[in-house]
Amino acid sequence: MSAYLVGHITVKDDKLWQEYVAGVQESLSPFESKIIFRGKLAAVLAGKHDHNLIVVIEFNDLTTLNNWFHSEKYQSLIPIRDKAASVVITTYET
């Protein structure tokens, strides 16, 4: 069963954000993941949504996704992420 990480993002510091994104891309390589898309919010058609960017990353399964998230490399990026942006991260299975 595939698993997906969805990040909803509002960037506060562009330079730090680029450092974080580069680190994430490096951290993903051992986990057979695929960035499905990154995008900028076009419109909110119903409800309220506070973030203007999104990323969707596909993993083979939820175990792999969780192993990546809890990996030493990704965990080391969290302080940069938290300074660079306001982020909500959710996971989904298909």
PDB file of N, CA and C in Angstrom:
ATOM      1  N   MET A   1       0.831  -1.170   0.000  1.00  0.00           N
ATOM      2  CA  MET A   1       0.000   0.000   0.000  1.00  0.00           C
ATOM      3  C   MET A   1       0.887   1.247   0.000  1.00  0.00           C
ATOM      4  N   SER A   2       0.754   2.127  -0.978  1.00  0.00           N
ATOM      5  CA  SER A   2       1.538   3.360  -1.026  1.00  0.00           C
ATOM      6  C   SER A   2       1.144   4.285   0.112  1.00  0.00           C
ATOM      7  N   ALA A   3       2.110   5.114   0.526  1.00  0.00           N
ATOM      8  CA  ALA A   3       1.863   6.112   1.558  1.00  0.00           C
ATOM      9  C   ALA A   3       2.338   7.460   1.044  1.00  0.00           C
ATOM     10  N   TYR A   4       1.652   8.501   1.466  1.00  0.00           N
ATOM     11  CA  TYR A   4       1.945   9.845   0.998  1.00  0.00           C
ATOM     12  C   TYR A   4       2.108  10.793   2.176  1.00  0.00           C
ATOM     13  N   LEU A   5       3.132  11.618   2.091  1.00  0.00           N
ATOM     14  CA  LEU A   5       3.311  12.703   3.033  1.00  0.00           C
ATOM     15  C   LEU A   5       2.854  13.962   2.322  1.00  0.00           C
ATOM     16  N   VAL A   6       2.015  14.744   3.007  1.00  0.00           N
ATOM     17  CA  VAL A   6       1.548  16.009   2.464  1.00  0.00           C
ATOM     18  C   VAL A   6       1.957  17.100   3.436  1.00  0.00           C
ATOM     19  N   GLY A   7       2.709  18.062   2.922  1.00  0.00           N
ATOM     20  CA  GLY A   7       3.117  19.201   3.730  1.00  0.00           C
ATOM     21  C   GLY A   7       2.450  20.458   3.234  1.00  0.00           C
ATOM     22  N   HIS A   8       1.788  21.162   4.156  1.00  0.00           N
ATOM     23  CA  HIS A   8       1.191  22.469   3.869  1.00  0.00           C
ATOM     24  C   HIS A   8       2.106  23.507   4.509  1.00  0.00           C
ATOM     25  N   ILE A   9       2.519  24.506   3.748  1.00  0.00           N
ATOM     26  CA  ILE A   9       3.658  25.330   4.130  1.00  0.00           C
ATOM     27  C   ILE A   9       3.387  26.818   3.926  1.00  0.00           C
ATOM     28  N   THR A  10       3.863  27.609   4.890  1.00  0.00           N
ATOM     29  CA  THR A  10       3.975  29.055   4.732  1.00  0.00           C
ATOM     30  C   THR A  10       5.407  29.416   5.098  1.00  0.00           C
ATOM     31  N   VAL A  11       6.170  29.889   4.131  1.00  0.00           N
ATOM     32  CA  VAL A  11       7.586  30.196   4.331  1.00  0.00           C
ATOM     33  C   VAL A  11       7.727  31.535   5.051  1.00  0.00           C
ATOM     34  N   LYS A  12       8.615  31.540   6.065  1.00  0.00           N
ATOM     35  CA  LYS A  12       8.933  32.764   6.815  1.00  0.00           C
ATOM     36  C   LYS A  12      10.320  33.298   6.461  1.00  0.00           C
ATOM     37  N   ASP A  13      11.229  32.401   6.021  1.00  0.00           N
ATOM     38  CA  ASP A  13      12.607  32.791   5.706  1.00  0.00           C
ATOM     39  C   ASP A  13      13.046  32.000   4.477  1.00  0.00           C
ATOM     40  N   ASP A  14      13.085  32.670   3.328  1.00  0.00           N
ATOM     41  CA  ASP A  14      13.374  31.983   2.056  1.00  0.00           C
ATOM     42  C   ASP A  14      14.728  31.282   2.050  1.00  0.00           C
ATOM     43  N   LYS A  15      15.763  31.926   2.588  1.00  0.00           N
ATOM     44  CA  LYS A  15      17.101  31.338   2.576  1.00  0.00           C
ATOM     45  C   LYS A  15      17.138  30.056   3.410  1.00  0.00           C
ATOM     46  N   LEU A  16      16.592  30.100   4.614  1.00  0.00           N
ATOM     47  CA  LEU A  16      16.542  28.895   5.447  1.00  0.00           C
ATOM     48  C   LEU A  16      15.679  27.822   4.811  1.00  0.00           C
ATOM     49  N   TRP A  17      14.588  28.243   4.173  1.00  0.00           N
ATOM     50  CA  TRP A  17      13.702  27.269   3.533  1.00  0.00           C
ATOM     51  C   TRP A  17      14.433  26.510   2.427  1.00  0.00           C
ATOM     52  N   GLN A  18      15.214  27.194   1.624  1.00  0.00           N
ATOM     53  CA  GLN A  18      15.973  26.532   0.567  1.00  0.00           C
ATOM     54  C   GLN A  18      16.999  25.565   1.152  1.00  0.00           C
ATOM     55  N   GLU A  19      17.601  25.925   2.266  1.00  0.00           N
ATOM     56  CA  GLU A  19      18.533  25.022   2.957  1.00  0.00           C
ATOM     57  C   GLU A  19      17.801  23.761   3.424  1.00  0.00           C
ATOM     58  N   TYR A  20      16.615  23.945   3.982  1.00  0.00           N
ATOM     59  CA  TYR A  20      15.800  22.813   4.439  1.00  0.00           C
ATOM     60  C   TYR A  20      15.405  21.913   3.269  1.00  0.00           C
ATOM     61  N   VAL A  21      14.917  22.496   2.190  1.00  0.00           N
ATOM     62  CA  VAL A  21      14.471  21.717   1.022  1.00  0.00           C
ATOM     63  C   VAL A  21      15.632  20.896   0.456  1.00  0.00           C
ATOM     64  N   ALA A  22      16.804  21.489   0.370  1.00  0.00           N
ATOM     65  CA  ALA A  22      17.977  20.750  -0.120  1.00  0.00           C
ATOM     66  C   ALA A  22      18.290  19.576   0.807  1.00  0.00           C
ATOM     67  N   GLY A  23      18.200  19.790   2.104  1.00  0.00           N
ATOM     68  CA  GLY A  23      18.446  18.718   3.061  1.00  0.00           C
ATOM     69  C   GLY A  23      17.412  17.613   2.973  1.00  0.00           C
ATOM     70  N   VAL A  24      16.154  17.995   2.771  1.00  0.00           N
ATOM     71  CA  VAL A  24      15.091  16.988   2.626  1.00  0.00           C
ATOM     72  C   VAL A  24      15.354  16.132   1.399  1.00  0.00           C
ATOM     73  N   GLN A  25      15.680  16.752   0.282  1.00  0.00           N
ATOM     74  CA  GLN A  25      15.931  15.975  -0.934  1.00  0.00           C
ATOM     75  C   GLN A  25      17.052  14.971  -0.712  1.00  0.00           C
ATOM     76  N   GLU A  26      18.100  15.391  -0.033  1.00  0.00           N
ATOM     77  CA  GLU A  26      19.203  14.484   0.275  1.00  0.00           C
ATOM     78  C   GLU A  26      18.741  13.363   1.212  1.00  0.00           C
ATOM     79  N   SER A  27      17.929  13.704   2.188  1.00  0.00           N
ATOM     80  CA  SER A  27      17.480  12.711   3.174  1.00  0.00           C
ATOM     81  C   SER A  27      16.554  11.660   2.570  1.00  0.00           C
ATOM     82  N   LEU A  28      15.868  11.998   1.491  1.00  0.00           N
ATOM     83  CA  LEU A  28      14.902  11.082   0.874  1.00  0.00           C
ATOM     84  C   LEU A  28      15.553   9.966   0.055  1.00  0.00           C
ATOM     85  N   SER A  29      16.748  10.188  -0.457  1.00  0.00           N
ATOM     86  CA  SER A  29      17.352   9.261  -1.414  1.00  0.00           C
ATOM     87  C   SER A  29      17.433   7.813  -0.935  1.00  0.00           C
ATOM     88  N   PRO A  30      17.733   7.510   0.318  1.00  0.00           N
ATOM     89  CA  PRO A  30      17.792   6.095   0.721  1.00  0.00           C
ATOM     90  C   PRO A  30      16.412   5.433   0.892  1.00  0.00           C
ATOM     91  N   PHE A  31      15.333   6.190   0.753  1.00  0.00           N
ATOM     92  CA  PHE A  31      14.011   5.669   1.109  1.00  0.00           C
ATOM     93  C   PHE A  31      13.090   5.414  -0.076  1.00  0.00           C
ATOM     94  N   GLU A  32      13.638   5.347  -1.274  1.00  0.00           N
ATOM     95  CA  GLU A  32      12.843   5.039  -2.471  1.00  0.00           C
ATOM     96  C   GLU A  32      11.550   5.850  -2.514  1.00  0.00           C
ATOM     97  N   SER A  33      11.697   7.151  -2.330  1.00  0.00           N
ATOM     98  CA  SER A  33      10.545   8.041  -2.339  1.00  0.00           C
ATOM     99  C   SER A  33      10.524   8.848  -3.627  1.00  0.00           C
ATOM    100  N   LYS A  34       9.403   9.499  -3.853  1.00  0.00           N
ATOM    101  CA  LYS A  34       9.255  10.287  -5.075  1.00  0.00           C
ATOM    102  C   LYS A  34       8.442  11.534  -4.744  1.00  0.00           C
ATOM    103  N   ILE A  35       8.988  12.693  -5.078  1.00  0.00           N
ATOM    104  CA  ILE A  35       8.209  13.913  -4.911  1.00  0.00           C
ATOM    105  C   ILE A  35       7.201  13.967  -6.056  1.00  0.00           C
ATOM    106  N   ILE A  36       5.935  13.879  -5.694  1.00  0.00           N
ATOM    107  CA  ILE A  36       4.860  13.873  -6.688  1.00  0.00           C
ATOM    108  C   ILE A  36       4.665  15.279  -7.245  1.00  0.00           C
ATOM    109  N   PHE A  37       4.551  16.253  -6.356  1.00  0.00           N
ATOM    110  CA  PHE A  37       4.509  17.631  -6.814  1.00  0.00           C
ATOM    111  C   PHE A  37       4.735  18.596  -5.663  1.00  0.00           C
ATOM    112  N   ARG A  38       5.167  19.784  -6.059  1.00  0.00           N
ATOM    113  CA  ARG A  38       5.222  20.951  -5.189  1.00  0.00           C
ATOM    114  C   ARG A  38       4.391  22.003  -5.896  1.00  0.00           C
ATOM    115  N   GLY A  39       3.643  22.764  -5.129  1.00  0.00           N
ATOM    116  CA  GLY A  39       2.835  23.781  -5.783  1.00  0.00           C
ATOM    117  C   GLY A  39       2.479  24.937  -4.884  1.00  0.00           C
ATOM    118  N   LYS A  40       1.977  25.969  -5.518  1.00  0.00           N
ATOM    119  CA  LYS A  40       1.524  27.173  -4.830  1.00  0.00           C
ATOM    120  C   LYS A  40      -0.001  27.209  -4.891  1.00  0.00           C
ATOM    121  N   LEU A  41      -0.620  27.539  -3.777  1.00  0.00           N
ATOM    122  CA  LEU A  41      -2.075  27.589  -3.683  1.00  0.00           C
ATOM    123  C   LEU A  41      -2.654  28.533  -4.726  1.00  0.00           C
ATOM    124  N   ALA A  42      -3.623  28.052  -5.473  1.00  0.00           N
ATOM    125  CA  ALA A  42      -4.295  28.873  -6.471  1.00  0.00           C
ATOM    126  C   ALA A  42      -5.571  29.484  -5.895  1.00  0.00           C
ATOM    127  N   ALA A  43      -6.327  28.666  -5.132  1.00  0.00           N
ATOM    128  CA  ALA A  43      -7.592  29.147  -4.568  1.00  0.00           C
ATOM    129  C   ALA A  43      -8.065  28.180  -3.488  1.00  0.00           C
ATOM    130  N   VAL A  44      -8.819  28.702  -2.534  1.00  0.00           N
ATOM    131  CA  VAL A  44      -9.520  27.868  -1.555  1.00  0.00           C
ATOM    132  C   VAL A  44     -10.979  27.901  -1.965  1.00  0.00           C
ATOM    133  N   LEU A  45     -11.500  26.752  -2.358  1.00  0.00           N
ATOM    134  CA  LEU A  45     -12.866  26.703  -2.873  1.00  0.00           C
ATOM    135  C   LEU A  45     -13.906  26.465  -1.789  1.00  0.00           C
ATOM    136  N   ALA A  46     -13.481  25.902  -0.664  1.00  0.00           N
ATOM    137  CA  ALA A  46     -14.402  25.687   0.457  1.00  0.00           C
ATOM    138  C   ALA A  46     -13.588  25.644   1.742  1.00  0.00           C
ATOM    139  N   GLY A  47     -14.108  26.199   2.798  1.00  0.00           N
ATOM    140  CA  GLY A  47     -13.423  26.158   4.082  1.00  0.00           C
ATOM    141  C   GLY A  47     -12.314  27.185   4.182  1.00  0.00           C
ATOM    142  N   LYS A  48     -11.426  26.968   5.162  1.00  0.00           N
ATOM    143  CA  LYS A  48     -10.324  27.890   5.425  1.00  0.00           C
ATOM    144  C   LYS A  48      -9.014  27.118   5.348  1.00  0.00           C
ATOM    145  N   HIS A  49      -8.037  27.692   4.681  1.00  0.00           N
ATOM    146  CA  HIS A  49      -6.722  27.071   4.563  1.00  0.00           C
ATOM    147  C   HIS A  49      -5.678  28.171   4.699  1.00  0.00           C
ATOM    148  N   ASP A  50      -4.787  28.025   5.677  1.00  0.00           N
ATOM    149  CA  ASP A  50      -3.861  29.103   6.017  1.00  0.00           C
ATOM    150  C   ASP A  50      -2.523  29.061   5.284  1.00  0.00           C
ATOM    151  N   HIS A  51      -2.216  27.987   4.585  1.00  0.00           N
ATOM    152  CA  HIS A  51      -0.892  27.855   3.962  1.00  0.00           C
ATOM    153  C   HIS A  51      -0.976  28.063   2.455  1.00  0.00           C
ATOM    154  N   ASN A  52       0.136  28.546   1.873  1.00  0.00           N
ATOM    155  CA  ASN A  52       0.096  28.866   0.444  1.00  0.00           C
ATOM    156  C   ASN A  52       0.946  27.926  -0.425  1.00  0.00           C
ATOM    157  N   LEU A  53       1.688  26.991   0.200  1.00  0.00           N
ATOM    158  CA  LEU A  53       2.486  26.035  -0.564  1.00  0.00           C
ATOM    159  C   LEU A  53       2.137  24.614  -0.129  1.00  0.00           C
ATOM    160  N   ILE A  54       2.419  23.659  -1.017  1.00  0.00           N
ATOM    161  CA  ILE A  54       2.173  22.248  -0.706  1.00  0.00           C
ATOM    162  C   ILE A  54       3.281  21.402  -1.320  1.00  0.00           C
ATOM    163  N   VAL A  55       3.566  20.288  -0.668  1.00  0.00           N
ATOM    164  CA  VAL A  55       4.426  19.258  -1.236  1.00  0.00           C
ATOM    165  C   VAL A  55       3.769  17.915  -0.964  1.00  0.00           C
ATOM    166  N   VAL A  56       3.843  17.019  -1.940  1.00  0.00           N
ATOM    167  CA  VAL A  56       3.333  15.655  -1.784  1.00  0.00           C
ATOM    168  C   VAL A  56       4.469  14.701  -2.149  1.00  0.00           C
ATOM    169  N   ILE A  57       4.799  13.815  -1.209  1.00  0.00           N
ATOM    170  CA  ILE A  57       5.887  12.851  -1.410  1.00  0.00           C
ATOM    171  C   ILE A  57       5.327  11.446  -1.264  1.00  0.00           C
ATOM    172  N   GLU A  58       5.628  10.596  -2.231  1.00  0.00           N
ATOM    173  CA  GLU A  58       5.147   9.213  -2.227  1.00  0.00           C
ATOM    174  C   GLU A  58       6.237   8.285  -1.695  1.00  0.00           C
ATOM    175  N   PHE A  59       5.830   7.354  -0.844  1.00  0.00           N
ATOM    176  CA  PHE A  59       6.690   6.299  -0.316  1.00  0.00           C
ATOM    177  C   PHE A  59       6.052   4.954  -0.627  1.00  0.00           C
ATOM    178  N   ASN A  60       6.843   3.894  -0.603  1.00  0.00           N
ATOM    179  CA  ASN A  60       6.312   2.553  -0.880  1.00  0.00           C
ATOM    180  C   ASN A  60       5.245   2.139   0.117  1.00  0.00           C
ATOM    181  N   ASP A  61       5.422   2.537   1.373  1.00  0.00           N
ATOM    182  CA  ASP A  61       4.468   2.164   2.424  1.00  0.00           C
ATOM    183  C   ASP A  61       4.652   3.099   3.617  1.00  0.00           C
ATOM    184  N   LEU A  62       3.735   2.994   4.578  1.00  0.00           N
ATOM    185  CA  LEU A  62       3.765   3.868   5.749  1.00  0.00           C
ATOM    186  C   LEU A  62       4.990   3.609   6.622  1.00  0.00           C
ATOM    187  N   THR A  63       5.442   2.375   6.689  1.00  0.00           N
ATOM    188  CA  THR A  63       6.637   2.058   7.474  1.00  0.00           C
ATOM    189  C   THR A  63       7.847   2.809   6.928  1.00  0.00           C
ATOM    190  N   THR A  64       8.008   2.803   5.612  1.00  0.00           N
ATOM    191  CA  THR A  64       9.126   3.515   4.992  1.00  0.00           C
ATOM    192  C   THR A  64       9.021   5.013   5.234  1.00  0.00           C
ATOM    193  N   LEU A  65       7.825   5.547   5.090  1.00  0.00           N
ATOM    194  CA  LEU A  65       7.611   6.972   5.349  1.00  0.00           C
ATOM    195  C   LEU A  65       8.020   7.302   6.784  1.00  0.00           C
ATOM    196  N   ASN A  66       7.557   6.519   7.741  1.00  0.00           N
ATOM    197  CA  ASN A  66       7.880   6.771   9.145  1.00  0.00           C
ATOM    198  C   ASN A  66       9.374   6.597   9.419  1.00  0.00           C
ATOM    199  N   ASN A  67      10.001   5.628   8.773  1.00  0.00           N
ATOM    200  CA  ASN A  67      11.449   5.450   8.937  1.00  0.00           C
ATOM    201  C   ASN A  67      12.204   6.673   8.438  1.00  0.00           C
ATOM    202  N   TRP A  68      11.762   7.225   7.310  1.00  0.00           N
ATOM    203  CA  TRP A  68      12.386   8.453   6.812  1.00  0.00           C
ATOM    204  C   TRP A  68      12.170   9.596   7.801  1.00  0.00           C
ATOM    205  N   PHE A  69      10.919   9.794   8.225  1.00  0.00           N
ATOM    206  CA  PHE A  69      10.601  10.919   9.102  1.00  0.00           C
ATOM    207  C   PHE A  69      11.412  10.868  10.396  1.00  0.00           C
ATOM    208  N   HIS A  70      11.612   9.678  10.923  1.00  0.00           N
ATOM    209  CA  HIS A  70      12.329   9.515  12.189  1.00  0.00           C
ATOM    210  C   HIS A  70      13.832   9.291  11.992  1.00  0.00           C
ATOM    211  N   SER A  71      14.289   9.350  10.730  1.00  0.00           N
ATOM    212  CA  SER A  71      15.715   9.143  10.467  1.00  0.00           C
ATOM    213  C   SER A  71      16.532  10.271  11.084  1.00  0.00           C
ATOM    214  N   GLU A  72      17.764   9.960  11.387  1.00  0.00           N
ATOM    215  CA  GLU A  72      18.670  10.948  11.977  1.00  0.00           C
ATOM    216  C   GLU A  72      18.820  12.160  11.061  1.00  0.00           C
ATOM    217  N   LYS A  73      18.959  11.929   9.763  1.00  0.00           N
ATOM    218  CA  LYS A  73      19.139  13.020   8.809  1.00  0.00           C
ATOM    219  C   LYS A  73      17.934  13.945   8.800  1.00  0.00           C
ATOM    220  N   TYR A  74      16.711  13.381   8.697  1.00  0.00           N
ATOM    221  CA  TYR A  74      15.546  14.265   8.662  1.00  0.00           C
ATOM    222  C   TYR A  74      15.353  14.967   9.998  1.00  0.00           C
ATOM    223  N   GLN A  75      15.503  14.253  11.084  1.00  0.00           N
ATOM    224  CA  GLN A  75      15.335  14.869  12.399  1.00  0.00           C
ATOM    225  C   GLN A  75      16.282  16.051  12.590  1.00  0.00           C
ATOM    226  N   SER A  76      17.484  15.967  12.004  1.00  0.00           N
ATOM    227  CA  SER A  76      18.439  17.069  12.129  1.00  0.00           C
ATOM    228  C   SER A  76      17.980  18.320  11.378  1.00  0.00           C
ATOM    229  N   LEU A  77      17.044  18.166  10.451  1.00  0.00           N
ATOM    230  CA  LEU A  77      16.542  19.295   9.663  1.00  0.00           C
ATOM    231  C   LEU A  77      15.373  20.023  10.322  1.00  0.00           C
ATOM    232  N   ILE A  78      14.774  19.421  11.321  1.00  0.00           N
ATOM    233  CA  ILE A  78      13.572  19.998  11.927  1.00  0.00           C
ATOM    234  C   ILE A  78      13.809  21.389  12.516  1.00  0.00           C
ATOM    235  N   PRO A  79      14.915  21.650  13.217  1.00  0.00           N
ATOM    236  CA  PRO A  79      15.118  23.024  13.709  1.00  0.00           C
ATOM    237  C   PRO A  79      15.177  24.062  12.584  1.00  0.00           C
ATOM    238  N   ILE A  80      15.767  23.693  11.453  1.00  0.00           N
ATOM    239  CA  ILE A  80      15.807  24.599  10.297  1.00  0.00           C
ATOM    240  C   ILE A  80      14.393  24.791   9.767  1.00  0.00           C
ATOM    241  N   ARG A  81      13.656  23.690   9.629  1.00  0.00           N
ATOM    242  CA  ARG A  81      12.276  23.764   9.134  1.00  0.00           C
ATOM    243  C   ARG A  81      11.444  24.702   9.998  1.00  0.00           C
ATOM    244  N   ASP A  82      11.554  24.538  11.313  1.00  0.00           N
ATOM    245  CA  ASP A  82      10.713  25.320  12.217  1.00  0.00           C
ATOM    246  C   ASP A  82      11.055  26.803  12.215  1.00  0.00           C
ATOM    247  N   LYS A  83      12.301  27.158  11.919  1.00  0.00           N
ATOM    248  CA  LYS A  83      12.682  28.564  11.789  1.00  0.00           C
ATOM    249  C   LYS A  83      12.284  29.122  10.430  1.00  0.00           C
ATOM    250  N   ALA A  84      12.318  28.264   9.417  1.00  0.00           N
ATOM    251  CA  ALA A  84      12.101  28.702   8.041  1.00  0.00           C
ATOM    252  C   ALA A  84      10.634  28.858   7.666  1.00  0.00           C
ATOM    253  N   ALA A  85       9.754  28.068   8.300  1.00  0.00           N
ATOM    254  CA  ALA A  85       8.368  28.045   7.827  1.00  0.00           C
ATOM    255  C   ALA A  85       7.420  27.534   8.899  1.00  0.00           C
ATOM    256  N   SER A  86       6.168  27.830   8.675  1.00  0.00           N
ATOM    257  CA  SER A  86       5.087  27.204   9.428  1.00  0.00           C
ATOM    258  C   SER A  86       4.612  26.039   8.561  1.00  0.00           C
ATOM    259  N   VAL A  87       4.634  24.828   9.131  1.00  0.00           N
ATOM    260  CA  VAL A  87       4.374  23.632   8.332  1.00  0.00           C
ATOM    261  C   VAL A  87       3.406  22.705   9.065  1.00  0.00           C
ATOM    262  N   VAL A  88       2.451  22.176   8.329  1.00  0.00           N
ATOM    263  CA  VAL A  88       1.586  21.102   8.813  1.00  0.00           C
ATOM    264  C   VAL A  88       1.896  19.894   7.941  1.00  0.00           C
ATOM    265  N   ILE A  89       2.257  18.766   8.573  1.00  0.00           N
ATOM    266  CA  ILE A  89       2.606  17.541   7.838  1.00  0.00           C
ATOM    267  C   ILE A  89       1.583  16.468   8.188  1.00  0.00           C
ATOM    268  N   THR A  90       0.986  15.890   7.156  1.00  0.00           N
ATOM    269  CA  THR A  90       0.040  14.791   7.346  1.00  0.00           C
ATOM    270  C   THR A  90       0.460  13.620   6.487  1.00  0.00           C
ATOM    271  N   THR A  91      -0.039  12.428   6.814  1.00  0.00           N
ATOM    272  CA  THR A  91       0.251  11.238   6.021  1.00  0.00           C
ATOM    273  C   THR A  91      -1.054  10.562   5.612  1.00  0.00           C
ATOM    274  N   TYR A  92      -0.976   9.862   4.475  1.00  0.00           N
ATOM    275  CA  TYR A  92      -2.144   9.176   3.917  1.00  0.00           C
ATOM    276  C   TYR A  92      -1.699   7.853   3.331  1.00  0.00           C
ATOM    277  N   GLU A  93      -2.598   6.855   3.364  1.00  0.00           N
ATOM    278  CA  GLU A  93      -2.340   5.556   2.724  1.00  0.00           C
ATOM    279  C   GLU A  93      -3.373   5.348   1.623  1.00  0.00           C
ATOM    280  N   THR A  94      -2.948   4.616   0.590  1.00  0.00           N
ATOM    281  CA  THR A  94      -3.903   4.252  -0.464  1.00  0.00           C
ATOM    282  C   THR A  94      -4.078   2.751  -0.494  1.00  0.00           C
TER     283      THR A  94
END
